[in-house]
Amino acid sequence: MSDSRRLPLETWGRHWLLRLQTAADRAAWSRYGFEFLMFGIKQGWACLFGGAMLAMLLATHLWWPDEAPVSRYDFLVVGALGIQAAMLALKLESWEEARVIFVFHVVGTIMELFKTQAGSWIYPEDSLLRIGMVPLFSGFMYAAVGSYIARIWRIFDIKFRHYPPLWTTWVLAAAIYINFFAHHWLPDIRLGLFVLTAVLFGRGWFYFTPDRTRRAMPFLLGFFLVATFIWLAENIGTFANAWVYPSQSDGWHMVSVDKLGSWFLLMMISVVLVSLVHRPEEEPVGLAGGGGR
């Protein structure tokens, strides 16, 4: 990605790393090591919103005083708004990305209202800033996923090959979202949704730049890896008592790996929503340095 497409702090950070890059170029092993380091740094940079939210969940779980005049959940709402405002003020996130993240917030809150009524999970602590059984900070957890997808798309300069027609992805995302509600009354069609996802995206590859060389990865593998990390983050969230599943009512334990499927499908909704801001671009033939089709 050219400096003109980076936000200011990203440009400053990239320039700071040039010295280390120059030293790493002296040997093959250190070049690959530096590329791996850059991949990790960019991933962490893309996770900035979600990482800050998780840190706040854990910190308030461990150290929130019982006699505090403000409830922990209400503090989390104010803290999440502060994180979002700081990211915009420091130009760590663009206004276009913020708009699609707001859509994530709305979509997530609507699902939260339904799922808590259905008993899928609960928020065990009291608060004032809530709608029904749902504290308002919960929508920011979905927004964190949207922030990650939007930022990683830009930070890694992601482009695609064999991206399916946009209208088919919109149909898929709508079907996934509806099934999150409808399976409480109708047969759960998630197996069919997995098949449809494989049909639409199975041939697809995305291309990204950890450092200077273009690398490639199959769509479905990338989605699964992101879903896995979200599942790990969900375990941190439930450990911090941000929300509780019925199976955890007698004490915390790891969230079932069955949730990976739900997060994988949520990834599809996330990618489709972000594609409204970052339209999928075709990777030019001959530029990729790491394989692909």
Protein backbone atom coordinates (compact mmCIF):
# COMPACT_ATOMS: atom_id res chain seq x y z
CA MET A 1 0.00 0.00 0.00
CA SER A 2 1.33 3.44 -0.88
CA ASP A 3 1.85 6.05 1.86
CA SER A 4 -0.93 8.17 0.33
CA ARG A 5 -3.44 5.47 1.27
CA ARG A 6 -2.17 5.04 4.84
CA LEU A 7 -3.53 7.03 7.75
CA PRO A 8 -0.97 9.39 9.39
CA LEU A 9 0.05 7.27 12.37
CA GLU A 10 0.38 4.23 10.11
CA THR A 11 2.75 6.20 7.87
CA TRP A 12 4.82 7.25 10.89
CA GLY A 13 5.01 3.67 12.15
CA ARG A 14 5.98 2.30 8.74
CA HIS A 15 8.80 4.81 8.41
CA TRP A 16 10.05 3.91 11.88
CA LEU A 17 10.24 0.24 10.85
CA LEU A 18 12.29 0.97 7.72
CA ARG A 19 15.53 0.87 9.70
CA LEU A 20 14.74 -2.61 11.02
CA GLN A 21 13.73 -3.68 7.52
CA THR A 22 17.06 -2.52 6.11
CA ALA A 23 18.95 -4.56 8.70
CA ALA A 24 16.73 -7.61 8.05
CA ASP A 25 17.50 -7.52 4.32
CA ARG A 26 21.06 -8.69 4.97
CA ALA A 27 20.04 -12.37 5.12
CA ALA A 28 17.19 -14.54 3.82
CA TRP A 29 16.17 -15.85 7.25
CA SER A 30 15.94 -12.34 8.69
CA ARG A 31 13.92 -11.10 5.69
CA TYR A 32 11.32 -13.80 6.33
CA GLY A 33 11.48 -13.09 10.03
CA PHE A 34 10.83 -9.41 9.42
CA GLU A 35 7.89 -10.26 7.14
CA PHE A 36 6.40 -12.45 9.87
CA LEU A 37 6.93 -9.61 12.36
CA MET A 38 5.16 -7.18 10.04
CA PHE A 39 2.28 -9.61 9.63
CA GLY A 40 1.87 -9.73 13.41
CA ILE A 41 2.17 -5.97 13.80
CA LYS A 42 -0.44 -5.31 11.11
CA GLN A 43 -2.79 -7.90 12.60
CA GLY A 44 -2.47 -6.25 15.99
CA TRP A 45 -3.00 -2.83 14.41
CA ALA A 46 -6.16 -4.09 12.71
CA CYS A 47 -7.39 -5.50 16.05
CA LEU A 48 -6.92 -2.18 17.83
CA PHE A 49 -10.60 -1.59 18.63
CA GLY A 50 -11.30 -5.18 19.64
CA GLY A 51 -8.10 -5.45 21.65
CA ALA A 52 -8.92 -2.28 23.57
CA MET A 53 -12.43 -3.60 24.27
CA LEU A 54 -11.12 -6.94 25.55
CA ALA A 55 -8.55 -5.18 27.74
CA MET A 56 -11.32 -3.03 29.21
CA LEU A 57 -13.53 -6.08 29.84
CA LEU A 58 -10.75 -7.89 31.67
CA ALA A 59 -9.60 -4.85 33.66
CA THR A 60 -13.09 -4.00 34.88
CA HIS A 61 -13.78 -7.66 35.72
CA LEU A 62 -10.65 -7.91 37.86
CA TRP A 63 -10.62 -4.47 39.50
CA TRP A 64 -14.05 -2.84 39.31
CA PRO A 65 -14.98 -1.77 42.88
CA ASP A 66 -18.27 -3.07 44.28
CA GLU A 67 -19.07 0.36 45.76
CA ALA A 68 -18.54 2.26 42.48
CA PRO A 69 -21.32 4.83 41.84
CA VAL A 70 -21.48 3.78 38.17
CA SER A 71 -22.18 0.20 37.06
CA ARG A 72 -19.45 -1.66 35.25
CA TYR A 73 -21.61 -2.15 32.14
CA ASP A 74 -22.37 1.58 31.92
CA PHE A 75 -18.67 2.37 32.23
CA LEU A 76 -18.02 -0.04 29.35
CA VAL A 77 -20.48 1.90 27.17
CA VAL A 78 -18.72 5.20 27.90
CA GLY A 79 -15.31 3.58 27.46
CA ALA A 80 -16.27 2.07 24.10
CA LEU A 81 -17.52 5.46 22.89
CA GLY A 82 -14.23 6.96 24.03
CA ILE A 83 -12.21 4.36 22.11
CA GLN A 84 -14.24 5.00 18.96
CA ALA A 85 -13.91 8.78 19.30
CA ALA A 86 -10.15 8.52 19.87
CA MET A 87 -9.67 6.33 16.82
CA LEU A 88 -11.49 8.85 14.65
CA ALA A 89 -9.75 11.86 16.20
CA LEU A 90 -6.31 10.28 15.73
CA LYS A 91 -7.26 9.16 12.22
CA LEU A 92 -6.70 5.51 13.09
CA GLU A 93 -10.02 4.85 11.42
CA SER A 94 -11.71 6.62 8.53
CA TRP A 95 -15.24 8.02 8.68
CA GLU A 96 -16.25 5.60 5.91
CA GLU A 97 -15.12 2.70 8.07
CA ALA A 98 -16.88 4.20 11.10
CA ARG A 99 -20.16 4.26 9.20
CA VAL A 100 -20.04 0.57 8.33
CA ILE A 101 -19.01 -0.20 11.91
CA PHE A 102 -22.12 1.65 13.08
CA VAL A 103 -24.16 -0.68 10.87
CA PHE A 104 -22.47 -3.62 12.65
CA HIS A 105 -23.51 -2.07 15.95
CA VAL A 106 -27.16 -1.83 14.89
CA VAL A 107 -27.26 -5.30 13.33
CA GLY A 108 -25.60 -6.81 16.39
CA THR A 109 -27.85 -5.04 18.89
CA ILE A 110 -30.99 -6.23 17.10
CA MET A 111 -29.72 -9.81 17.26
CA GLU A 112 -28.78 -9.34 20.92
CA LEU A 113 -32.31 -8.21 21.77
CA PHE A 114 -33.76 -11.34 20.20
CA LYS A 115 -31.16 -13.80 21.50
CA THR A 116 -31.36 -12.63 25.11
CA GLN A 117 -35.15 -12.90 25.01
CA ALA A 118 -34.75 -16.44 23.64
CA GLY A 119 -32.36 -17.32 26.49
CA SER A 120 -29.33 -17.96 24.29
CA TRP A 121 -27.17 -15.95 26.72
CA ILE A 122 -27.59 -13.39 29.48
CA TYR A 123 -25.91 -10.25 30.81
CA PRO A 124 -25.77 -10.91 34.56
CA GLU A 125 -24.95 -7.42 35.85
CA ASP A 126 -27.19 -4.39 36.34
CA SER A 127 -26.92 -1.20 34.30
CA LEU A 128 -28.86 1.87 33.23
CA LEU A 129 -27.61 2.19 29.65
CA ARG A 130 -29.46 -0.74 28.17
CA ILE A 131 -32.38 -1.73 25.96
CA GLY A 132 -34.42 -4.42 27.66
CA MET A 133 -32.02 -7.17 28.71
CA VAL A 134 -29.17 -5.87 26.53
CA PRO A 135 -26.56 -3.40 27.84
CA LEU A 136 -25.52 -0.99 25.12
CA PHE A 137 -21.85 -1.96 25.26
CA SER A 138 -22.75 -5.31 23.64
CA GLY A 139 -23.20 -3.69 20.23
CA PHE A 140 -19.60 -2.53 20.37
CA MET A 141 -18.45 -6.16 20.48
CA TYR A 142 -19.96 -6.64 17.02
CA ALA A 143 -18.55 -3.27 16.00
CA ALA A 144 -15.11 -4.57 16.99
CA VAL A 145 -15.47 -7.35 14.43
CA GLY A 146 -16.51 -4.83 11.79
CA SER A 147 -13.60 -2.58 12.71
CA TYR A 148 -11.15 -5.47 12.32
CA ILE A 149 -12.48 -6.50 8.90
CA ALA A 150 -12.55 -2.92 7.60
CA ARG A 151 -9.06 -2.11 8.90
CA ILE A 152 -7.42 -5.34 7.77
CA TRP A 153 -8.88 -4.86 4.28
CA ARG A 154 -7.10 -1.51 4.05
CA ILE A 155 -3.94 -2.19 6.08
CA PHE A 156 -3.04 -5.34 4.12
CA ASP A 157 -4.22 -3.85 0.80
CA ILE A 158 -6.44 -6.89 0.24
CA LYS A 159 -7.56 -7.73 -3.29
CA PHE A 160 -9.27 -10.81 -4.67
CA ARG A 161 -9.56 -13.34 -7.42
CA HIS A 162 -12.76 -15.21 -8.15
CA TYR A 163 -14.81 -13.00 -5.84
CA PRO A 164 -18.44 -14.00 -6.44
CA PRO A 165 -20.99 -11.54 -7.87
CA LEU A 166 -21.92 -9.04 -5.19
CA TRP A 167 -25.64 -9.77 -5.35
CA THR A 168 -25.01 -13.43 -4.48
CA THR A 169 -23.05 -12.42 -1.38
CA TRP A 170 -25.88 -10.12 -0.30
CA VAL A 171 -28.36 -12.98 -0.61
CA LEU A 172 -26.04 -15.24 1.39
CA ALA A 173 -25.56 -12.65 4.15
CA ALA A 174 -29.32 -12.04 4.38
CA ALA A 175 -30.02 -15.78 4.61
CA ILE A 176 -27.40 -16.21 7.35
CA TYR A 177 -28.81 -13.30 9.36
CA ILE A 178 -32.39 -14.52 9.03
CA ASN A 179 -31.37 -18.03 10.09
CA PHE A 180 -29.86 -16.68 13.32
CA PHE A 181 -33.46 -15.78 14.24
CA ALA A 182 -35.58 -18.32 12.36
CA HIS A 183 -33.86 -21.48 13.61
CA HIS A 184 -35.65 -20.99 16.93
CA TRP A 185 -38.91 -21.93 15.18
CA LEU A 186 -37.94 -23.44 11.84
CA PRO A 187 -35.36 -26.06 10.86
CA ASP A 188 -31.79 -24.81 11.20
CA ILE A 189 -30.37 -24.47 7.68
CA ARG A 190 -26.81 -23.61 8.67
CA LEU A 191 -25.44 -26.75 6.99
CA GLY A 192 -26.96 -25.54 3.75
CA LEU A 193 -25.48 -22.11 4.38
CA PHE A 194 -22.03 -23.66 4.82
CA VAL A 195 -22.48 -25.45 1.49
CA LEU A 196 -23.64 -22.27 -0.24
CA THR A 197 -20.65 -20.39 1.21
CA ALA A 198 -18.31 -23.08 -0.13
CA VAL A 199 -19.95 -22.92 -3.56
CA LEU A 200 -19.67 -19.13 -3.77
CA PHE A 201 -16.22 -18.67 -2.20
CA GLY A 202 -14.56 -22.06 -2.64
CA ARG A 203 -12.59 -20.97 -5.74
CA GLY A 204 -11.70 -17.60 -4.31
CA TRP A 205 -8.34 -16.35 -3.12
CA PHE A 206 -7.46 -13.11 -1.41
CA TYR A 207 -4.12 -11.37 -1.76
CA PHE A 208 -2.41 -9.28 0.88
CA THR A 209 0.90 -7.60 1.67
CA PRO A 210 2.47 -8.36 5.06
CA ASP A 211 5.60 -6.40 4.13
CA ARG A 212 6.58 -5.97 0.47
CA THR A 213 5.74 -9.28 -1.18
CA ARG A 214 2.18 -10.13 -2.14
CA ARG A 215 0.91 -13.31 -0.47
CA ALA A 216 -2.21 -15.35 -1.14
CA MET A 217 -4.64 -17.42 0.91
CA PRO A 218 -7.89 -19.24 0.04
CA PHE A 219 -11.02 -17.38 1.11
CA LEU A 220 -12.40 -20.16 3.24
CA LEU A 221 -9.17 -20.73 5.13
CA GLY A 222 -8.90 -17.04 5.91
CA PHE A 223 -12.50 -16.89 7.16
CA PHE A 224 -11.96 -19.95 9.37
CA LEU A 225 -8.80 -18.51 10.92
CA VAL A 226 -10.53 -15.21 11.73
CA ALA A 227 -13.52 -17.10 13.19
CA THR A 228 -11.11 -19.06 15.40
CA PHE A 229 -9.57 -15.89 16.82
CA ILE A 230 -13.03 -14.42 17.47
CA TRP A 231 -13.95 -17.62 19.32
CA LEU A 232 -10.83 -17.19 21.48
CA ALA A 233 -11.84 -13.56 22.15
CA GLU A 234 -15.32 -14.79 23.08
CA ASN A 235 -13.76 -17.03 25.70
CA ILE A 236 -11.99 -14.00 27.16
CA GLY A 237 -15.27 -12.07 27.16
CA THR A 238 -17.19 -14.79 28.99
CA PHE A 239 -14.30 -15.27 31.43
CA ALA A 240 -14.62 -11.53 32.18
CA ASN A 241 -18.33 -12.11 32.91
CA ALA A 242 -19.34 -9.69 30.15
CA TRP A 243 -22.03 -12.20 29.16
CA VAL A 244 -22.82 -15.77 30.21
CA TYR A 245 -24.11 -18.77 28.28
CA PRO A 246 -26.62 -21.09 30.01
CA SER A 247 -23.99 -23.85 30.16
CA GLN A 248 -21.74 -21.47 32.15
CA SER A 249 -24.33 -20.67 34.85
CA ASP A 250 -22.57 -22.96 37.37
CA GLY A 251 -19.10 -21.59 36.61
CA TRP A 252 -16.95 -20.48 33.73
CA HIS A 253 -15.58 -22.94 31.20
CA MET A 254 -14.42 -22.69 27.60
CA VAL A 255 -17.13 -21.84 25.09
CA SER A 256 -18.08 -24.85 22.98
CA VAL A 257 -16.21 -25.21 19.71
CA ASP A 258 -19.65 -25.48 18.09
CA LYS A 259 -19.68 -21.67 18.26
CA LEU A 260 -16.95 -21.64 15.61
CA GLY A 261 -19.60 -22.36 13.01
CA SER A 262 -21.65 -19.37 14.15
CA TRP A 263 -18.62 -17.10 14.03
CA PHE A 264 -17.69 -18.41 10.60
CA LEU A 265 -21.12 -17.45 9.31
CA LEU A 266 -20.86 -14.09 11.04
CA MET A 267 -17.64 -13.58 9.09
CA MET A 268 -19.64 -13.84 5.90
CA ILE A 269 -22.02 -11.10 7.07
CA SER A 270 -19.03 -9.02 8.14
CA VAL A 271 -17.25 -9.30 4.79
CA VAL A 272 -20.42 -8.44 2.87
CA LEU A 273 -21.08 -5.35 5.00
CA VAL A 274 -17.50 -4.13 4.69
CA SER A 275 -17.66 -4.70 0.93
CA LEU A 276 -20.18 -1.85 0.84
CA VAL A 277 -17.31 0.50 1.81
CA HIS A 278 -14.27 -1.32 0.42
CA ARG A 279 -15.51 -2.71 -2.88
CA PRO A 280 -13.67 -5.95 -3.77
CA GLU A 281 -10.89 -5.23 -6.25
CA GLU A 282 -9.40 -7.79 -8.63
CA GLU A 283 -5.77 -8.74 -7.97
CA PRO A 284 -3.78 -8.09 -11.16
CA VAL A 285 -2.32 -11.20 -12.75
CA GLY A 286 1.38 -11.69 -12.10
CA LEU A 287 1.69 -9.55 -8.94
CA ALA A 288 1.24 -12.25 -6.29
CA GLY A 289 4.43 -13.67 -4.84
CA GLY A 290 3.02 -16.36 -2.59
CA GLY A 291 0.95 -18.69 -4.75
CA GLY A 292 -2.75 -18.60 -5.48
CA ARG A 293 -4.86 -19.12 -8.56
